[in-house]
Amino acid sequence: VLGVLQDRGFHVGLVTDGRMSGASGKVPSAIHMWPECIDGGP
């Protein structure tokens, strides 16, 4: 999904307290963010 948006010329990224696959690649991301949301993370 995000790869399609990037290929269409949009500036896209992902910020999450979750994981991406080891096969994820071309879309910039900030992952594993903590404190995680369930603990009141920002």
PDB file of all heavy atoms in Angstrom:
ATOM      1  N   VAL A   1       0.830  -1.205   0.000  1.00  0.00           N
ATOM      2  CA  VAL A   1       0.000   0.000   0.000  1.00  0.00           C
ATOM      3  C   VAL A   1       0.866   1.258   0.000  1.00  0.00           C
ATOM      4  O   VAL A   1       0.703   2.160  -0.845  1.00  0.00           O
ATOM      5  CB  VAL A   1      -0.936  -0.011   1.225  1.00  0.00           C
ATOM      6  CG1 VAL A   1      -1.570   1.354   1.442  1.00  0.00           C
ATOM      7  CG2 VAL A   1      -2.009  -1.083   1.063  1.00  0.00           C
ATOM      8  N   LEU A   2       1.791   1.341   0.943  1.00  0.00           N
ATOM      9  CA  LEU A   2       2.636   2.524   1.032  1.00  0.00           C
ATOM     10  C   LEU A   2       3.584   2.612  -0.160  1.00  0.00           C
ATOM     11  O   LEU A   2       3.920   3.705  -0.625  1.00  0.00           O
ATOM     12  CB  LEU A   2       3.417   2.507   2.345  1.00  0.00           C
ATOM     13  CG  LEU A   2       2.562   2.574   3.620  1.00  0.00           C
ATOM     14  CD1 LEU A   2       3.438   2.468   4.868  1.00  0.00           C
ATOM     15  CD2 LEU A   2       1.740   3.851   3.661  1.00  0.00           C
ATOM     16  N   GLY A   3       4.021   1.459  -0.660  1.00  0.00           N
ATOM     17  CA  GLY A   3       4.877   1.453  -1.839  1.00  0.00           C
ATOM     18  C   GLY A   3       4.175   2.016  -3.062  1.00  0.00           C
ATOM     19  O   GLY A   3       4.772   2.754  -3.861  1.00  0.00           O
ATOM     20  N   VAL A   4       2.885   1.685  -3.225  1.00  0.00           N
ATOM     21  CA  VAL A   4       2.107   2.228  -4.336  1.00  0.00           C
ATOM     22  C   VAL A   4       2.019   3.747  -4.237  1.00  0.00           C
ATOM     23  O   VAL A   4       2.216   4.481  -5.220  1.00  0.00           O
ATOM     24  CB  VAL A   4       0.698   1.607  -4.351  1.00  0.00           C
ATOM     25  CG1 VAL A   4      -0.227   2.395  -5.288  1.00  0.00           C
ATOM     26  CG2 VAL A   4       0.751   0.158  -4.787  1.00  0.00           C
ATOM     27  N   LEU A   5       1.738   4.252  -3.044  1.00  0.00           N
ATOM     28  CA  LEU A   5       1.620   5.703  -2.849  1.00  0.00           C
ATOM     29  C   LEU A   5       2.939   6.395  -3.162  1.00  0.00           C
ATOM     30  O   LEU A   5       2.965   7.459  -3.804  1.00  0.00           O
ATOM     31  CB  LEU A   5       1.185   6.006  -1.418  1.00  0.00           C
ATOM     32  CG  LEU A   5      -0.218   5.535  -1.028  1.00  0.00           C
ATOM     33  CD1 LEU A   5      -0.444   5.729   0.469  1.00  0.00           C
ATOM     34  CD2 LEU A   5      -1.281   6.275  -1.829  1.00  0.00           C
ATOM     35  N   GLN A   6       4.036   5.793  -2.713  1.00  0.00           N
ATOM     36  CA  GLN A   6       5.348   6.380  -2.992  1.00  0.00           C
ATOM     37  C   GLN A   6       5.623   6.397  -4.491  1.00  0.00           C
ATOM     38  O   GLN A   6       6.127   7.395  -5.031  1.00  0.00           O
ATOM     39  CB  GLN A   6       6.430   5.592  -2.252  1.00  0.00           C
ATOM     40  CG  GLN A   6       7.821   6.210  -2.311  1.00  0.00           C
ATOM     41  CD  GLN A   6       8.838   5.363  -1.580  1.00  0.00           C
ATOM     42  OE1 GLN A   6       9.336   4.381  -2.112  1.00  0.00           O
ATOM     43  NE2 GLN A   6       9.141   5.739  -0.345  1.00  0.00           N
ATOM     44  N   ASP A   7       5.271   5.312  -5.175  1.00  0.00           N
ATOM     45  CA  ASP A   7       5.489   5.236  -6.612  1.00  0.00           C
ATOM     46  C   ASP A   7       4.625   6.243  -7.378  1.00  0.00           C
ATOM     47  O   ASP A   7       4.966   6.641  -8.505  1.00  0.00           O
ATOM     48  CB  ASP A   7       5.208   3.825  -7.136  1.00  0.00           C
ATOM     49  CG  ASP A   7       6.266   2.812  -6.701  1.00  0.00           C
ATOM     50  OD1 ASP A   7       7.319   3.242  -6.185  1.00  0.00           O
ATOM     51  OD2 ASP A   7       6.023   1.609  -6.875  1.00  0.00           O
ATOM     52  N   ARG A   8       3.531   6.662  -6.782  1.00  0.00           N
ATOM     53  CA  ARG A   8       2.664   7.661  -7.418  1.00  0.00           C
ATOM     54  C   ARG A   8       3.165   9.088  -7.191  1.00  0.00           C
ATOM     55  O   ARG A   8       2.527  10.041  -7.637  1.00  0.00           O
ATOM     56  CB  ARG A   8       1.235   7.511  -6.904  1.00  0.00           C
ATOM     57  CG  ARG A   8       0.551   6.244  -7.404  1.00  0.00           C
ATOM     58  CD  ARG A   8      -0.836   6.071  -6.809  1.00  0.00           C
ATOM     59  NE  ARG A   8      -1.476   4.844  -7.302  1.00  0.00           N
ATOM     60  CZ  ARG A   8      -2.632   4.363  -6.838  1.00  0.00           C
ATOM     61  NH1 ARG A   8      -3.275   5.010  -5.868  1.00  0.00           N
ATOM     62  NH2 ARG A   8      -3.133   3.250  -7.347  1.00  0.00           N
ATOM     63  N   GLY A   9       4.280   9.208  -6.490  1.00  0.00           N
ATOM     64  CA  GLY A   9       4.891  10.516  -6.323  1.00  0.00           C
ATOM     65  C   GLY A   9       4.599  11.198  -5.003  1.00  0.00           C
ATOM     66  O   GLY A   9       5.058  12.335  -4.771  1.00  0.00           O
ATOM     67  N   PHE A  10       3.868  10.552  -4.118  1.00  0.00           N
ATOM     68  CA  PHE A  10       3.568  11.155  -2.831  1.00  0.00           C
ATOM     69  C   PHE A  10       4.721  10.945  -1.851  1.00  0.00           C
ATOM     70  O   PHE A  10       5.471   9.961  -1.949  1.00  0.00           O
ATOM     71  CB  PHE A  10       2.276  10.559  -2.244  1.00  0.00           C
ATOM     72  CG  PHE A  10       1.056  10.831  -3.072  1.00  0.00           C
ATOM     73  CD1 PHE A  10       0.382   9.797  -3.708  1.00  0.00           C
ATOM     74  CD2 PHE A  10       0.581  12.129  -3.250  1.00  0.00           C
ATOM     75  CE1 PHE A  10      -0.741  10.034  -4.485  1.00  0.00           C
ATOM     76  CE2 PHE A  10      -0.545  12.387  -4.022  1.00  0.00           C
ATOM     77  CZ  PHE A  10      -1.202  11.335  -4.639  1.00  0.00           C
ATOM     78  N   HIS A  11       4.845  11.861  -0.910  1.00  0.00           N
ATOM     79  CA  HIS A  11       5.821  11.727   0.166  1.00  0.00           C
ATOM     80  C   HIS A  11       5.130  10.986   1.304  1.00  0.00           C
ATOM     81  O   HIS A  11       4.189  11.520   1.921  1.00  0.00           O
ATOM     82  CB  HIS A  11       6.307  13.100   0.623  1.00  0.00           C
ATOM     83  CG  HIS A  11       7.031  13.859  -0.451  1.00  0.00           C
ATOM     84  ND1 HIS A  11       6.392  14.781  -1.268  1.00  0.00           N
ATOM     85  CD2 HIS A  11       8.324  13.808  -0.863  1.00  0.00           C
ATOM     86  CE1 HIS A  11       7.262  15.277  -2.124  1.00  0.00           C
ATOM     87  NE2 HIS A  11       8.437  14.706  -1.905  1.00  0.00           N
ATOM     88  N   VAL A  12       5.572   9.773   1.581  1.00  0.00           N
ATOM     89  CA  VAL A  12       4.889   8.936   2.568  1.00  0.00           C
ATOM     90  C   VAL A  12       5.894   8.352   3.557  1.00  0.00           C
ATOM     91  O   VAL A  12       7.084   8.209   3.252  1.00  0.00           O
ATOM     92  CB  VAL A  12       4.103   7.787   1.895  1.00  0.00           C
ATOM     93  CG1 VAL A  12       3.005   8.342   1.013  1.00  0.00           C
ATOM     94  CG2 VAL A  12       5.030   6.893   1.084  1.00  0.00           C
ATOM     95  N   GLY A  13       5.397   8.028   4.727  1.00  0.00           N
ATOM     96  CA  GLY A  13       6.214   7.386   5.749  1.00  0.00           C
ATOM     97  C   GLY A  13       5.318   6.680   6.745  1.00  0.00           C
ATOM     98  O   GLY A  13       4.082   6.785   6.682  1.00  0.00           O
ATOM     99  N   LEU A  14       5.937   5.962   7.642  1.00  0.00           N
ATOM    100  CA  LEU A  14       5.212   5.203   8.666  1.00  0.00           C
ATOM    101  C   LEU A  14       5.880   5.408  10.011  1.00  0.00           C
ATOM    102  O   LEU A  14       7.107   5.334  10.120  1.00  0.00           O
ATOM    103  CB  LEU A  14       5.214   3.713   8.314  1.00  0.00           C
ATOM    104  CG  LEU A  14       4.646   2.758   9.362  1.00  0.00           C
ATOM    105  CD1 LEU A  14       3.129   2.933   9.502  1.00  0.00           C
ATOM    106  CD2 LEU A  14       4.978   1.306   9.022  1.00  0.00           C
ATOM    107  N   VAL A  15       5.066   5.671  11.026  1.00  0.00           N
ATOM    108  CA  VAL A  15       5.545   5.740  12.405  1.00  0.00           C
ATOM    109  C   VAL A  15       4.638   4.830  13.226  1.00  0.00           C
ATOM    110  O   VAL A  15       3.411   4.982  13.206  1.00  0.00           O
ATOM    111  CB  VAL A  15       5.519   7.168  12.966  1.00  0.00           C
ATOM    112  CG1 VAL A  15       6.053   7.187  14.399  1.00  0.00           C
ATOM    113  CG2 VAL A  15       6.335   8.118  12.090  1.00  0.00           C
ATOM    114  N   THR A  16       5.223   3.868  13.932  1.00  0.00           N
ATOM    115  CA  THR A  16       4.420   2.883  14.656  1.00  0.00           C
ATOM    116  C   THR A  16       5.172   2.317  15.847  1.00  0.00           C
ATOM    117  O   THR A  16       6.404   2.288  15.859  1.00  0.00           O
ATOM    118  CB  THR A  16       4.002   1.735  13.702  1.00  0.00           C
ATOM    119  OG1 THR A  16       3.220   0.774  14.430  1.00  0.00           O
ATOM    120  CG2 THR A  16       5.222   1.028  13.113  1.00  0.00           C
ATOM    121  N   ASP A  17       4.421   1.872  16.836  1.00  0.00           N
ATOM    122  CA  ASP A  17       5.041   1.127  17.935  1.00  0.00           C
ATOM    123  C   ASP A  17       5.047  -0.367  17.636  1.00  0.00           C
ATOM    124  O   ASP A  17       5.363  -1.183  18.502  1.00  0.00           O
ATOM    125  CB  ASP A  17       4.345   1.414  19.271  1.00  0.00           C
ATOM    126  CG  ASP A  17       2.838   1.177  19.263  1.00  0.00           C
ATOM    127  OD1 ASP A  17       2.288   0.842  18.192  1.00  0.00           O
ATOM    128  OD2 ASP A  17       2.201   1.352  20.315  1.00  0.00           O
ATOM    129  N   GLY A  18       4.755  -0.735  16.396  1.00  0.00           N
ATOM    130  CA  GLY A  18       4.768  -2.126  15.971  1.00  0.00           C
ATOM    131  C   GLY A  18       6.002  -2.485  15.176  1.00  0.00           C
ATOM    132  O   GLY A  18       6.963  -1.707  15.094  1.00  0.00           O
ATOM    133  N   ARG A  19       5.953  -3.668  14.552  1.00  0.00           N
ATOM    134  CA  ARG A  19       7.081  -4.180  13.766  1.00  0.00           C
ATOM    135  C   ARG A  19       6.720  -4.163  12.287  1.00  0.00           C
ATOM    136  O   ARG A  19       5.567  -4.274  11.916  1.00  0.00           O
ATOM    137  CB  ARG A  19       7.396  -5.637  14.150  1.00  0.00           C
ATOM    138  CG  ARG A  19       7.890  -5.841  15.557  1.00  0.00           C
ATOM    139  CD  ARG A  19       8.317  -7.287  15.778  1.00  0.00           C
ATOM    140  NE  ARG A  19       7.219  -8.230  15.676  1.00  0.00           N
ATOM    141  CZ  ARG A  19       7.228  -9.327  14.934  1.00  0.00           C
ATOM    142  NH1 ARG A  19       8.275  -9.617  14.177  1.00  0.00           N
ATOM    143  NH2 ARG A  19       6.200 -10.148  14.911  1.00  0.00           N
ATOM    144  N   MET A  20       7.746  -4.037  11.459  1.00  0.00           N
ATOM    145  CA  MET A  20       7.585  -4.292  10.041  1.00  0.00           C
ATOM    146  C   MET A  20       8.290  -5.598   9.723  1.00  0.00           C
ATOM    147  O   MET A  20       9.142  -6.064  10.469  1.00  0.00           O
ATOM    148  CB  MET A  20       8.169  -3.159   9.210  1.00  0.00           C
ATOM    149  CG  MET A  20       7.331  -1.888   9.230  1.00  0.00           C
ATOM    150  SD  MET A  20       5.707  -2.095   8.465  1.00  0.00           S
ATOM    151  CE  MET A  20       6.123  -2.125   6.730  1.00  0.00           C
ATOM    152  N   SER A  21       7.959  -6.153   8.577  1.00  0.00           N
ATOM    153  CA  SER A  21       8.583  -7.410   8.184  1.00  0.00           C
ATOM    154  C   SER A  21      10.060  -7.224   7.905  1.00  0.00           C
ATOM    155  O   SER A  21      10.515  -6.138   7.528  1.00  0.00           O
ATOM    156  CB  SER A  21       7.885  -7.939   6.923  1.00  0.00           C
ATOM    157  OG  SER A  21       8.628  -8.987   6.358  1.00  0.00           O
ATOM    158  N   GLY A  22      10.807  -8.296   8.045  1.00  0.00           N
ATOM    159  CA  GLY A  22      12.201  -8.271   7.638  1.00  0.00           C
ATOM    160  C   GLY A  22      12.347  -8.015   6.153  1.00  0.00           C
ATOM    161  O   GLY A  22      13.419  -7.645   5.675  1.00  0.00           O
ATOM    162  N   ALA A  23      11.255  -8.183   5.403  1.00  0.00           N
ATOM    163  CA  ALA A  23      11.288  -7.955   3.961  1.00  0.00           C
ATOM    164  C   ALA A  23      10.842  -6.547   3.581  1.00  0.00           C
ATOM    165  O   ALA A  23      10.758  -6.212   2.419  1.00  0.00           O
ATOM    166  CB  ALA A  23      10.390  -8.966   3.254  1.00  0.00           C
ATOM    167  N   SER A  24      10.500  -5.706   4.574  1.00  0.00           N
ATOM    168  CA  SER A  24      10.077  -4.346   4.250  1.00  0.00           C
ATOM    169  C   SER A  24      11.263  -3.563   3.722  1.00  0.00           C
ATOM    170  O   SER A  24      12.409  -3.875   4.000  1.00  0.00           O
ATOM    171  CB  SER A  24       9.487  -3.676   5.484  1.00  0.00           C
ATOM    172  OG  SER A  24      10.438  -3.619   6.523  1.00  0.00           O
ATOM    173  N   GLY A  25      10.990  -2.518   2.978  1.00  0.00           N
ATOM    174  CA  GLY A  25      12.134  -1.885   2.358  1.00  0.00           C
ATOM    175  C   GLY A  25      12.025  -0.412   2.046  1.00  0.00           C
ATOM    176  O   GLY A  25      12.467   0.427   2.796  1.00  0.00           O
ATOM    177  N   LYS A  26      11.393  -0.045   0.921  1.00  0.00           N
ATOM    178  CA  LYS A  26      11.662   1.240   0.297  1.00  0.00           C
ATOM    179  C   LYS A  26      10.937   2.430   0.916  1.00  0.00           C
ATOM    180  O   LYS A  26      11.243   3.576   0.585  1.00  0.00           O
ATOM    181  CB  LYS A  26      11.317   1.162  -1.188  1.00  0.00           C
ATOM    182  CG  LYS A  26       9.833   0.982  -1.505  1.00  0.00           C
ATOM    183  CD  LYS A  26       9.626   0.870  -3.017  1.00  0.00           C
ATOM    184  CE  LYS A  26       8.156   0.802  -3.373  1.00  0.00           C
ATOM    185  NZ  LYS A  26       7.974   0.700  -4.839  1.00  0.00           N
ATOM    186  N   VAL A  27       9.978   2.212   1.806  1.00  0.00           N
ATOM    187  CA  VAL A  27       9.247   3.308   2.436  1.00  0.00           C
ATOM    188  C   VAL A  27       9.896   3.649   3.776  1.00  0.00           C
ATOM    189  O   VAL A  27      10.125   2.759   4.597  1.00  0.00           O
ATOM    190  CB  VAL A  27       7.770   2.935   2.633  1.00  0.00           C
ATOM    191  CG1 VAL A  27       7.027   4.030   3.403  1.00  0.00           C
ATOM    192  CG2 VAL A  27       7.105   2.686   1.285  1.00  0.00           C
ATOM    193  N   PRO A  28      10.231   4.928   4.031  1.00  0.00           N
ATOM    194  CA  PRO A  28      10.873   5.280   5.302  1.00  0.00           C
ATOM    195  C   PRO A  28       9.923   5.069   6.474  1.00  0.00           C
ATOM    196  O   PRO A  28       8.720   5.298   6.364  1.00  0.00           O
ATOM    197  CB  PRO A  28      11.208   6.766   5.125  1.00  0.00           C
ATOM    198  CG  PRO A  28      10.211   7.263   4.129  1.00  0.00           C
ATOM    199  CD  PRO A  28       9.974   6.105   3.187  1.00  0.00           C
ATOM    200  N   SER A  29      10.483   4.625   7.577  1.00  0.00           N
ATOM    201  CA  SER A  29       9.638   4.320   8.731  1.00  0.00           C
ATOM    202  C   SER A  29      10.410   4.508  10.030  1.00  0.00           C
ATOM    203  O   SER A  29      11.635   4.430  10.051  1.00  0.00           O
ATOM    204  CB  SER A  29       9.116   2.878   8.643  1.00  0.00           C
ATOM    205  OG  SER A  29      10.205   1.956   8.657  1.00  0.00           O
ATOM    206  N   ALA A  30       9.665   4.744  11.071  1.00  0.00           N
ATOM    207  CA  ALA A  30      10.181   4.681  12.438  1.00  0.00           C
ATOM    208  C   ALA A  30       9.330   3.631  13.140  1.00  0.00           C
ATOM    209  O   ALA A  30       8.120   3.807  13.316  1.00  0.00           O
ATOM    210  CB  ALA A  30      10.070   6.031  13.141  1.00  0.00           C
ATOM    211  N   ILE A  31       9.944   2.516  13.503  1.00  0.00           N
ATOM    212  CA  ILE A  31       9.210   1.379  14.045  1.00  0.00           C
ATOM    213  C   ILE A  31       9.695   1.054  15.455  1.00  0.00           C
ATOM    214  O   ILE A  31      10.683   1.620  15.931  1.00  0.00           O
ATOM    215  CB  ILE A  31       9.350   0.148  13.129  1.00  0.00           C
ATOM    216  CG1 ILE A  31      10.826  -0.269  13.003  1.00  0.00           C
ATOM    217  CG2 ILE A  31       8.750   0.444  11.764  1.00  0.00           C
ATOM    218  CD1 ILE A  31      11.037  -1.537  12.179  1.00  0.00           C
ATOM    219  N   HIS A  32       8.987   0.149  16.111  1.00  0.00           N
ATOM    220  CA  HIS A  32       9.322  -0.279  17.479  1.00  0.00           C
ATOM    221  C   HIS A  32       9.286   0.905  18.444  1.00  0.00           C
ATOM    222  O   HIS A  32       9.960   0.887  19.478  1.00  0.00           O
ATOM    223  CB  HIS A  32      10.712  -0.930  17.554  1.00  0.00           C
ATOM    224  CG  HIS A  32      10.944  -2.053  16.614  1.00  0.00           C
ATOM    225  ND1 HIS A  32      12.165  -2.686  16.487  1.00  0.00           N
ATOM    226  CD2 HIS A  32      10.137  -2.682  15.743  1.00  0.00           C
ATOM    227  CE1 HIS A  32      12.095  -3.640  15.581  1.00  0.00           C
ATOM    228  NE2 HIS A  32      10.863  -3.646  15.119  1.00  0.00           N
ATOM    229  N   MET A  33       8.519   1.945  18.156  1.00  0.00           N
ATOM    230  CA  MET A  33       8.526   3.151  18.985  1.00  0.00           C
ATOM    231  C   MET A  33       8.040   2.815  20.394  1.00  0.00           C
ATOM    232  O   MET A  33       7.054   2.109  20.594  1.00  0.00           O
ATOM    233  CB  MET A  33       7.644   4.226  18.368  1.00  0.00           C
ATOM    234  CG  MET A  33       8.116   4.722  17.006  1.00  0.00           C
ATOM    235  SD  MET A  33       9.708   5.570  17.036  1.00  0.00           S
ATOM    236  CE  MET A  33       9.277   7.066  17.909  1.00  0.00           C
ATOM    237  N   TRP A  34       8.776   3.314  21.363  1.00  0.00           N
ATOM    238  CA  TRP A  34       8.362   3.156  22.748  1.00  0.00           C
ATOM    239  C   TRP A  34       8.662   4.421  23.536  1.00  0.00           C
ATOM    240  O   TRP A  34       9.509   5.201  23.112  1.00  0.00           O
ATOM    241  CB  TRP A  34       8.978   1.904  23.391  1.00  0.00           C
ATOM    242  CG  TRP A  34      10.443   1.965  23.707  1.00  0.00           C
ATOM    243  CD1 TRP A  34      11.503   1.707  22.883  1.00  0.00           C
ATOM    244  CD2 TRP A  34      11.027   2.312  24.960  1.00  0.00           C
ATOM    245  NE1 TRP A  34      12.687   1.863  23.532  1.00  0.00           N
ATOM    246  CE2 TRP A  34      12.432   2.245  24.806  1.00  0.00           C
ATOM    247  CE3 TRP A  34      10.487   2.686  26.200  1.00  0.00           C
ATOM    248  CZ2 TRP A  34      13.309   2.537  25.851  1.00  0.00           C
ATOM    249  CZ3 TRP A  34      11.374   2.965  27.239  1.00  0.00           C
ATOM    250  CH2 TRP A  34      12.767   2.890  27.055  1.00  0.00           C
ATOM    251  N   PRO A  35       7.979   4.694  24.645  1.00  0.00           N
ATOM    252  CA  PRO A  35       6.953   3.845  25.260  1.00  0.00           C
ATOM    253  C   PRO A  35       5.818   3.554  24.275  1.00  0.00           C
ATOM    254  O   PRO A  35       5.410   4.428  23.523  1.00  0.00           O
ATOM    255  CB  PRO A  35       6.446   4.672  26.441  1.00  0.00           C
ATOM    256  CG  PRO A  35       7.530   5.671  26.713  1.00  0.00           C
ATOM    257  CD  PRO A  35       8.165   5.955  25.397  1.00  0.00           C
ATOM    258  N   GLU A  36       5.320   2.317  24.313  1.00  0.00           N
ATOM    259  CA  GLU A  36       4.261   1.964  23.393  1.00  0.00           C
ATOM    260  C   GLU A  36       2.961   2.634  23.821  1.00  0.00           C
ATOM    261  O   GLU A  36       2.791   3.070  24.961  1.00  0.00           O
ATOM    262  CB  GLU A  36       4.106   0.454  23.277  1.00  0.00           C
ATOM    263  CG  GLU A  36       3.668  -0.287  24.511  1.00  0.00           C
ATOM    264  CD  GLU A  36       3.336  -1.757  24.207  1.00  0.00           C
ATOM    265  OE1 GLU A  36       2.292  -1.990  23.555  1.00  0.00           O
ATOM    266  OE2 GLU A  36       4.099  -2.651  24.620  1.00  0.00           O
ATOM    267  N   CYS A  37       2.041   2.721  22.892  1.00  0.00           N
ATOM    268  CA  CYS A  37       0.833   3.513  23.112  1.00  0.00           C
ATOM    269  C   CYS A  37       0.009   3.024  24.293  1.00  0.00           C
ATOM    270  O   CYS A  37      -0.581   3.825  25.023  1.00  0.00           O
ATOM    271  CB  CYS A  37      -0.015   3.520  21.841  1.00  0.00           C
ATOM    272  SG  CYS A  37       0.741   4.444  20.492  1.00  0.00           S
ATOM    273  N   ILE A  38      -0.038   1.712  24.492  1.00  0.00           N
ATOM    274  CA  ILE A  38      -0.858   1.194  25.582  1.00  0.00           C
ATOM    275  C   ILE A  38      -0.319   1.608  26.945  1.00  0.00           C
ATOM    276  O   ILE A  38      -1.033   1.618  27.949  1.00  0.00           O
ATOM    277  CB  ILE A  38      -1.002  -0.344  25.480  1.00  0.00           C
ATOM    278  CG1 ILE A  38      -2.257  -0.813  26.209  1.00  0.00           C
ATOM    279  CG2 ILE A  38       0.249  -1.054  25.993  1.00  0.00           C
ATOM    280  CD1 ILE A  38      -2.643  -2.240  25.918  1.00  0.00           C
ATOM    281  N   ASP A  39       0.957   1.988  26.990  1.00  0.00           N
ATOM    282  CA  ASP A  39       1.563   2.518  28.220  1.00  0.00           C
ATOM    283  C   ASP A  39       1.542   4.041  28.255  1.00  0.00           C
ATOM    284  O   ASP A  39       2.260   4.667  29.030  1.00  0.00           O
ATOM    285  CB  ASP A  39       3.014   2.038  28.347  1.00  0.00           C
ATOM    286  CG  ASP A  39       3.105   0.579  28.746  1.00  0.00           C
ATOM    287  OD1 ASP A  39       2.154   0.070  29.371  1.00  0.00           O
ATOM    288  OD2 ASP A  39       4.131  -0.060  28.437  1.00  0.00           O
ATOM    289  N   GLY A  40       0.723   4.661  27.390  1.00  0.00           N
ATOM    290  CA  GLY A  40       0.645   6.110  27.357  1.00  0.00           C
ATOM    291  C   GLY A  40       1.722   6.766  26.534  1.00  0.00           C
ATOM    292  O   GLY A  40       2.016   7.957  26.715  1.00  0.00           O
ATOM    293  N   GLY A  41       2.334   6.036  25.620  1.00  0.00           N
ATOM    294  CA  GLY A  41       3.381   6.585  24.769  1.00  0.00           C
ATOM    295  C   GLY A  41       2.890   7.763  23.944  1.00  0.00           C
ATOM    296  O   GLY A  41       1.694   7.894  23.666  1.00  0.00           O
ATOM    297  N   PRO A  42       3.799   8.630  23.536  1.00  0.00           N
ATOM    298  CA  PRO A  42       3.396   9.869  22.860  1.00  0.00           C
ATOM    299  C   PRO A  42       2.676   9.674  21.537  1.00  0.00           C
ATOM    300  O   PRO A  42       1.920  10.556  21.117  1.00  0.00           O
ATOM    301  CB  PRO A  42       4.717  10.621  22.668  1.00  0.00           C
ATOM    302  CG  PRO A  42       5.795   9.590  22.818  1.00  0.00           C
ATOM    303  CD  PRO A  42       5.257   8.576  23.766  1.00  0.00           C
TER     304      PRO A  42
END
